[in-house]
Amino acid sequence: MATFMLKLMLPLLFLSIISPKTAYAEFEQWCVADEQTTDNELQAALDWVCGRGGADCSKIQVKQPCYFPNTLKDHASYAFNNYFQKFKHSGGSCYFRGAAMTSEVDPSHGSCHYDFIP
C-alpha cells in the first residue's frame, strides 16, 4: 500500500511545484486608430485624449520617439493606446466615438514603444 501511495503522491507533488504559466499573450490588446475614420474625427478625438482625456502625449511631440511617422493616424494611435492602457481598469475604453479599435498586434515600431498594461 505504501508503494502505491508513493507512486500516486510523487507525480502530484511534482505538479504542485511547477508554477503555472501566465497567459497574458492571449489577452494583450492595444488601442489604435480605425483606418476608416476621417481626419476631422481623428483630430477631434486626438485633441480630447491629449487634453481633457489625460493621455500622456509627450512621446508624439517633435524630436520624441513616436513623432515619426508624422501622420495623424499614427499620432492618434499612440495617444489612444496611452489613454486605453492608463484607464482601462477604471472604466476607460478604446472607442473615441468610433475613431479607434482594439488590436491584438503590438503597434510598436523602431524606438516607439506602445505600452501594454495587463
N, C-alpha and C. Protein backbone atom coordinates (compact mmCIF):
# COMPACT_ATOMS: atom_id res chain seq x y z
N MET A 1 0.82 -1.20 0.00
CA MET A 1 0.00 0.00 0.00
C MET A 1 0.86 1.27 0.00
N ALA A 2 1.96 1.23 0.75
CA ALA A 2 2.84 2.39 0.83
C ALA A 2 3.47 2.70 -0.52
N THR A 3 3.84 1.68 -1.27
CA THR A 3 4.43 1.86 -2.60
C THR A 3 3.42 2.49 -3.55
N PHE A 4 2.18 2.02 -3.47
CA PHE A 4 1.12 2.59 -4.30
C PHE A 4 0.92 4.07 -3.98
N MET A 5 0.87 4.42 -2.70
CA MET A 5 0.68 5.82 -2.28
C MET A 5 1.86 6.68 -2.74
N LEU A 6 3.06 6.14 -2.66
CA LEU A 6 4.24 6.87 -3.10
C LEU A 6 4.18 7.14 -4.60
N LYS A 7 3.79 6.13 -5.36
CA LYS A 7 3.67 6.30 -6.82
C LYS A 7 2.58 7.30 -7.18
N LEU A 8 1.57 7.40 -6.37
CA LEU A 8 0.49 8.35 -6.61
C LEU A 8 0.86 9.76 -6.18
N MET A 9 1.53 9.87 -5.05
CA MET A 9 1.84 11.18 -4.47
C MET A 9 3.01 11.88 -5.16
N LEU A 10 3.98 11.12 -5.63
CA LEU A 10 5.17 11.72 -6.24
C LEU A 10 4.82 12.58 -7.46
N PRO A 11 4.02 12.09 -8.43
CA PRO A 11 3.65 12.96 -9.56
C PRO A 11 2.82 14.17 -9.12
N LEU A 12 1.95 13.99 -8.14
CA LEU A 12 1.16 15.12 -7.65
C LEU A 12 2.05 16.17 -6.99
N LEU A 13 3.05 15.73 -6.24
CA LEU A 13 3.99 16.66 -5.63
C LEU A 13 4.75 17.43 -6.70
N PHE A 14 5.21 16.70 -7.72
CA PHE A 14 5.93 17.34 -8.82
C PHE A 14 5.07 18.40 -9.51
N LEU A 15 3.83 18.07 -9.82
CA LEU A 15 2.94 19.01 -10.49
C LEU A 15 2.63 20.23 -9.61
N SER A 16 2.63 20.04 -8.32
CA SER A 16 2.30 21.16 -7.43
C SER A 16 3.43 22.19 -7.33
N ILE A 17 4.66 21.80 -7.66
CA ILE A 17 5.76 22.75 -7.55
C ILE A 17 6.03 23.49 -8.87
N ILE A 18 5.40 23.06 -9.95
CA ILE A 18 5.55 23.75 -11.24
C ILE A 18 4.64 24.97 -11.22
N SER A 19 5.25 26.14 -11.42
CA SER A 19 4.43 27.36 -11.41
C SER A 19 3.63 27.46 -12.70
N PRO A 20 2.39 27.88 -12.60
CA PRO A 20 1.56 27.99 -13.81
C PRO A 20 2.07 29.11 -14.71
N LYS A 21 2.01 28.88 -15.99
CA LYS A 21 2.42 29.88 -16.97
C LYS A 21 1.29 30.89 -17.12
N THR A 22 1.66 32.17 -17.05
CA THR A 22 0.63 33.19 -17.24
C THR A 22 0.26 33.25 -18.72
N ALA A 23 -0.97 33.56 -18.99
CA ALA A 23 -1.48 33.54 -20.36
C ALA A 23 -1.88 34.94 -20.81
N TYR A 24 -1.07 35.94 -20.46
CA TYR A 24 -1.40 37.31 -20.87
C TYR A 24 -1.44 37.46 -22.39
N ALA A 25 -0.59 36.72 -23.09
CA ALA A 25 -0.48 36.91 -24.53
C ALA A 25 -1.82 36.73 -25.25
N GLU A 26 -2.66 35.86 -24.72
CA GLU A 26 -3.95 35.66 -25.36
C GLU A 26 -4.85 36.88 -25.23
N PHE A 27 -4.60 37.72 -24.25
CA PHE A 27 -5.49 38.83 -23.96
C PHE A 27 -4.86 40.19 -24.19
N GLU A 28 -3.65 40.24 -24.73
CA GLU A 28 -3.00 41.52 -24.96
C GLU A 28 -3.78 42.30 -26.00
N GLN A 29 -4.09 43.53 -25.66
CA GLN A 29 -4.80 44.40 -26.61
C GLN A 29 -4.22 45.80 -26.55
N TRP A 30 -4.07 46.36 -27.71
CA TRP A 30 -3.67 47.75 -27.86
C TRP A 30 -4.82 48.48 -28.52
N CYS A 31 -4.85 49.77 -28.36
CA CYS A 31 -5.90 50.60 -28.95
C CYS A 31 -5.27 51.44 -30.06
N VAL A 32 -5.82 51.35 -31.25
CA VAL A 32 -5.27 52.07 -32.41
C VAL A 32 -6.37 52.78 -33.17
N ALA A 33 -5.98 53.76 -33.94
CA ALA A 33 -6.94 54.50 -34.76
C ALA A 33 -7.54 53.58 -35.82
N ASP A 34 -8.83 53.73 -36.04
CA ASP A 34 -9.52 52.95 -37.06
C ASP A 34 -9.19 53.57 -38.42
N GLU A 35 -8.75 52.74 -39.35
CA GLU A 35 -8.35 53.19 -40.69
C GLU A 35 -9.47 53.95 -41.42
N GLN A 36 -10.72 53.65 -41.09
CA GLN A 36 -11.85 54.24 -41.81
C GLN A 36 -12.30 55.58 -41.23
N THR A 37 -11.67 56.02 -40.17
CA THR A 37 -12.06 57.28 -39.53
C THR A 37 -11.55 58.47 -40.32
N THR A 38 -12.38 59.48 -40.48
CA THR A 38 -11.96 60.68 -41.22
C THR A 38 -10.92 61.46 -40.41
N ASP A 39 -10.14 62.28 -41.09
CA ASP A 39 -9.14 63.10 -40.42
C ASP A 39 -9.78 64.04 -39.40
N ASN A 40 -10.94 64.60 -39.72
CA ASN A 40 -11.61 65.51 -38.78
C ASN A 40 -11.99 64.79 -37.49
N GLU A 41 -12.51 63.57 -37.63
CA GLU A 41 -12.89 62.78 -36.44
C GLU A 41 -11.65 62.38 -35.63
N LEU A 42 -10.59 61.99 -36.33
CA LEU A 42 -9.35 61.63 -35.64
C LEU A 42 -8.78 62.82 -34.88
N GLN A 43 -8.78 63.97 -35.54
CA GLN A 43 -8.22 65.17 -34.91
C GLN A 43 -9.02 65.56 -33.67
N ALA A 44 -10.33 65.49 -33.74
CA ALA A 44 -11.18 65.82 -32.58
C ALA A 44 -10.90 64.86 -31.43
N ALA A 45 -10.78 63.57 -31.74
CA ALA A 45 -10.50 62.57 -30.70
C ALA A 45 -9.10 62.76 -30.13
N LEU A 46 -8.13 63.06 -30.98
CA LEU A 46 -6.76 63.30 -30.53
C LEU A 46 -6.70 64.53 -29.63
N ASP A 47 -7.39 65.59 -30.01
CA ASP A 47 -7.42 66.81 -29.18
C ASP A 47 -7.99 66.50 -27.80
N TRP A 48 -9.06 65.70 -27.76
CA TRP A 48 -9.68 65.39 -26.47
C TRP A 48 -8.76 64.51 -25.62
N VAL A 49 -8.23 63.43 -26.23
CA VAL A 49 -7.45 62.47 -25.46
C VAL A 49 -6.16 63.09 -24.91
N CYS A 50 -5.56 63.99 -25.67
CA CYS A 50 -4.32 64.64 -25.21
C CYS A 50 -4.61 65.83 -24.29
N GLY A 51 -5.85 66.25 -24.23
CA GLY A 51 -6.23 67.36 -23.36
C GLY A 51 -6.97 66.84 -22.15
N ARG A 52 -8.29 67.01 -22.18
CA ARG A 52 -9.13 66.61 -21.05
C ARG A 52 -9.09 65.12 -20.76
N GLY A 53 -8.76 64.31 -21.76
CA GLY A 53 -8.73 62.86 -21.57
C GLY A 53 -7.63 62.37 -20.65
N GLY A 54 -6.54 63.10 -20.58
CA GLY A 54 -5.46 62.77 -19.65
C GLY A 54 -4.39 61.83 -20.16
N ALA A 55 -4.35 61.58 -21.47
CA ALA A 55 -3.28 60.73 -22.01
C ALA A 55 -1.96 61.51 -21.98
N ASP A 56 -0.87 60.78 -21.90
CA ASP A 56 0.46 61.38 -21.98
C ASP A 56 0.87 61.38 -23.45
N CYS A 57 0.80 62.53 -24.06
CA CYS A 57 1.10 62.64 -25.50
C CYS A 57 2.49 63.21 -25.76
N SER A 58 3.33 63.22 -24.76
CA SER A 58 4.66 63.81 -24.90
C SER A 58 5.53 63.06 -25.92
N LYS A 59 5.34 61.76 -26.08
CA LYS A 59 6.18 60.98 -26.99
C LYS A 59 5.83 61.17 -28.46
N ILE A 60 4.73 61.88 -28.76
CA ILE A 60 4.41 62.14 -30.17
C ILE A 60 4.75 63.58 -30.57
N GLN A 61 5.47 64.26 -29.69
CA GLN A 61 5.91 65.62 -29.98
C GLN A 61 7.19 65.57 -30.82
N VAL A 62 7.53 66.68 -31.47
CA VAL A 62 8.73 66.77 -32.30
C VAL A 62 9.96 66.33 -31.49
N LYS A 63 10.85 65.56 -32.13
CA LYS A 63 12.09 65.04 -31.56
C LYS A 63 11.88 64.00 -30.46
N GLN A 64 10.70 63.44 -30.39
CA GLN A 64 10.42 62.38 -29.42
C GLN A 64 10.29 61.04 -30.15
N PRO A 65 10.39 59.91 -29.45
CA PRO A 65 10.48 58.60 -30.13
C PRO A 65 9.28 58.19 -30.98
N CYS A 66 8.10 58.75 -30.74
CA CYS A 66 6.92 58.35 -31.52
C CYS A 66 6.42 59.46 -32.44
N TYR A 67 7.26 60.45 -32.70
CA TYR A 67 6.86 61.53 -33.61
C TYR A 67 6.75 61.00 -35.05
N PHE A 68 7.68 60.13 -35.44
CA PHE A 68 7.64 59.56 -36.79
C PHE A 68 7.02 58.18 -36.75
N PRO A 69 6.22 57.79 -37.70
CA PRO A 69 5.82 58.62 -38.83
C PRO A 69 4.89 59.74 -38.37
N ASN A 70 5.11 60.89 -38.94
CA ASN A 70 4.38 62.10 -38.57
C ASN A 70 3.04 62.14 -39.32
N THR A 71 2.13 61.26 -38.92
CA THR A 71 0.80 61.24 -39.52
C THR A 71 -0.24 61.34 -38.42
N LEU A 72 -1.37 61.85 -38.77
CA LEU A 72 -2.46 61.97 -37.81
C LEU A 72 -2.86 60.61 -37.27
N LYS A 73 -2.95 59.62 -38.14
CA LYS A 73 -3.33 58.27 -37.74
C LYS A 73 -2.34 57.69 -36.74
N ASP A 74 -1.05 57.83 -36.99
CA ASP A 74 -0.04 57.27 -36.09
C ASP A 74 -0.02 58.00 -34.75
N HIS A 75 -0.13 59.31 -34.77
CA HIS A 75 -0.16 60.07 -33.52
C HIS A 75 -1.41 59.74 -32.72
N ALA A 76 -2.54 59.63 -33.39
CA ALA A 76 -3.79 59.28 -32.71
C ALA A 76 -3.70 57.87 -32.12
N SER A 77 -3.13 56.94 -32.86
CA SER A 77 -2.99 55.57 -32.36
C SER A 77 -2.17 55.55 -31.08
N TYR A 78 -1.05 56.26 -31.05
CA TYR A 78 -0.22 56.28 -29.85
C TYR A 78 -1.00 56.87 -28.67
N ALA A 79 -1.66 57.99 -28.91
CA ALA A 79 -2.40 58.66 -27.83
C ALA A 79 -3.59 57.81 -27.36
N PHE A 80 -4.31 57.21 -28.28
CA PHE A 80 -5.44 56.36 -27.91
C PHE A 80 -4.97 55.21 -27.04
N ASN A 81 -3.86 54.59 -27.44
CA ASN A 81 -3.36 53.45 -26.68
C ASN A 81 -2.88 53.89 -25.30
N ASN A 82 -2.23 55.04 -25.23
CA ASN A 82 -1.77 55.52 -23.93
C ASN A 82 -2.94 55.71 -22.98
N TYR A 83 -3.99 56.32 -23.48
CA TYR A 83 -5.21 56.52 -22.67
C TYR A 83 -5.82 55.17 -22.28
N PHE A 84 -5.98 54.29 -23.24
CA PHE A 84 -6.61 52.99 -23.01
C PHE A 84 -5.86 52.19 -21.95
N GLN A 85 -4.53 52.13 -22.07
CA GLN A 85 -3.75 51.37 -21.10
C GLN A 85 -3.83 52.01 -19.71
N LYS A 86 -3.84 53.31 -19.68
CA LYS A 86 -3.86 54.05 -18.41
C LYS A 86 -5.20 53.91 -17.68
N PHE A 87 -6.30 53.87 -18.43
CA PHE A 87 -7.62 53.93 -17.81
C PHE A 87 -8.52 52.69 -18.01
N LYS A 88 -8.03 51.67 -18.70
CA LYS A 88 -8.90 50.53 -18.99
C LYS A 88 -9.39 49.79 -17.75
N HIS A 89 -8.65 49.83 -16.67
CA HIS A 89 -9.08 49.14 -15.46
C HIS A 89 -10.00 50.00 -14.59
N SER A 90 -10.22 51.22 -15.00
CA SER A 90 -11.11 52.09 -14.23
C SER A 90 -12.24 52.64 -15.10
N GLY A 91 -12.60 51.92 -16.13
CA GLY A 91 -13.75 52.29 -16.95
C GLY A 91 -13.43 52.92 -18.29
N GLY A 92 -12.15 53.21 -18.59
CA GLY A 92 -11.78 53.79 -19.87
C GLY A 92 -11.94 52.77 -20.98
N SER A 93 -12.26 53.24 -22.16
CA SER A 93 -12.45 52.31 -23.28
C SER A 93 -11.61 52.73 -24.49
N CYS A 94 -11.66 51.91 -25.50
CA CYS A 94 -10.99 52.19 -26.76
C CYS A 94 -12.09 52.43 -27.80
N TYR A 95 -12.75 53.55 -27.67
CA TYR A 95 -13.86 53.83 -28.58
C TYR A 95 -13.66 55.18 -29.28
N PHE A 96 -13.59 56.24 -28.51
CA PHE A 96 -13.37 57.58 -29.03
C PHE A 96 -14.33 57.92 -30.18
N ARG A 97 -15.62 57.72 -29.87
CA ARG A 97 -16.69 57.97 -30.84
C ARG A 97 -16.49 57.22 -32.15
N GLY A 98 -15.98 56.02 -32.04
CA GLY A 98 -15.78 55.17 -33.21
C GLY A 98 -14.48 55.40 -33.95
N ALA A 99 -13.62 56.25 -33.43
CA ALA A 99 -12.37 56.57 -34.12
C ALA A 99 -11.27 55.54 -33.86
N ALA A 100 -11.50 54.63 -32.89
CA ALA A 100 -10.45 53.67 -32.53
C ALA A 100 -11.01 52.27 -32.43
N MET A 101 -10.08 51.32 -32.38
CA MET A 101 -10.45 49.92 -32.24
C MET A 101 -9.31 49.18 -31.55
N THR A 102 -9.61 48.05 -30.93
CA THR A 102 -8.55 47.27 -30.30
C THR A 102 -7.87 46.38 -31.32
N SER A 103 -6.63 46.08 -31.02
CA SER A 103 -5.83 45.21 -31.88
C SER A 103 -5.03 44.27 -30.98
N GLU A 104 -4.84 43.05 -31.43
CA GLU A 104 -4.01 42.11 -30.70
C GLU A 104 -2.59 42.10 -31.25
N VAL A 105 -2.31 42.99 -32.19
CA VAL A 105 -0.98 43.11 -32.77
C VAL A 105 -0.32 44.35 -32.17
N ASP A 106 0.84 44.16 -31.58
CA ASP A 106 1.57 45.27 -30.97
C ASP A 106 1.98 46.28 -32.05
N PRO A 107 1.49 47.52 -31.96
CA PRO A 107 1.81 48.51 -32.99
C PRO A 107 3.16 49.20 -32.80
N SER A 108 3.93 48.80 -31.80
CA SER A 108 5.24 49.41 -31.57
C SER A 108 6.11 49.26 -32.82
N HIS A 109 6.99 50.25 -33.02
CA HIS A 109 7.88 50.22 -34.17
C HIS A 109 9.11 51.04 -33.86
N GLY A 110 10.26 50.56 -34.30
CA GLY A 110 11.51 51.28 -34.06
C GLY A 110 11.67 51.64 -32.60
N SER A 111 11.91 52.92 -32.33
CA SER A 111 12.11 53.38 -30.95
C SER A 111 10.78 53.74 -30.28
N CYS A 112 9.68 53.59 -30.99
CA CYS A 112 8.37 53.94 -30.45
C CYS A 112 7.73 52.71 -29.83
N HIS A 113 7.64 52.71 -28.51
CA HIS A 113 7.06 51.59 -27.77
C HIS A 113 5.66 51.94 -27.30
N TYR A 114 4.69 51.13 -27.68
CA TYR A 114 3.32 51.27 -27.23
C TYR A 114 3.16 50.44 -25.96
N ASP A 115 2.77 51.06 -24.87
CA ASP A 115 2.61 50.34 -23.61
C ASP A 115 1.51 49.30 -23.68
N PHE A 116 1.71 48.24 -22.92
CA PHE A 116 0.66 47.27 -22.66
C PHE A 116 0.67 47.03 -21.16
N ILE A 117 -0.46 47.24 -20.51
CA ILE A 117 -0.58 47.01 -19.08
C ILE A 117 -1.59 45.89 -18.87
N PRO A 118 -1.12 44.76 -18.31
CA PRO A 118 -2.04 43.63 -18.08
C PRO A 118 -3.17 43.98 -17.15
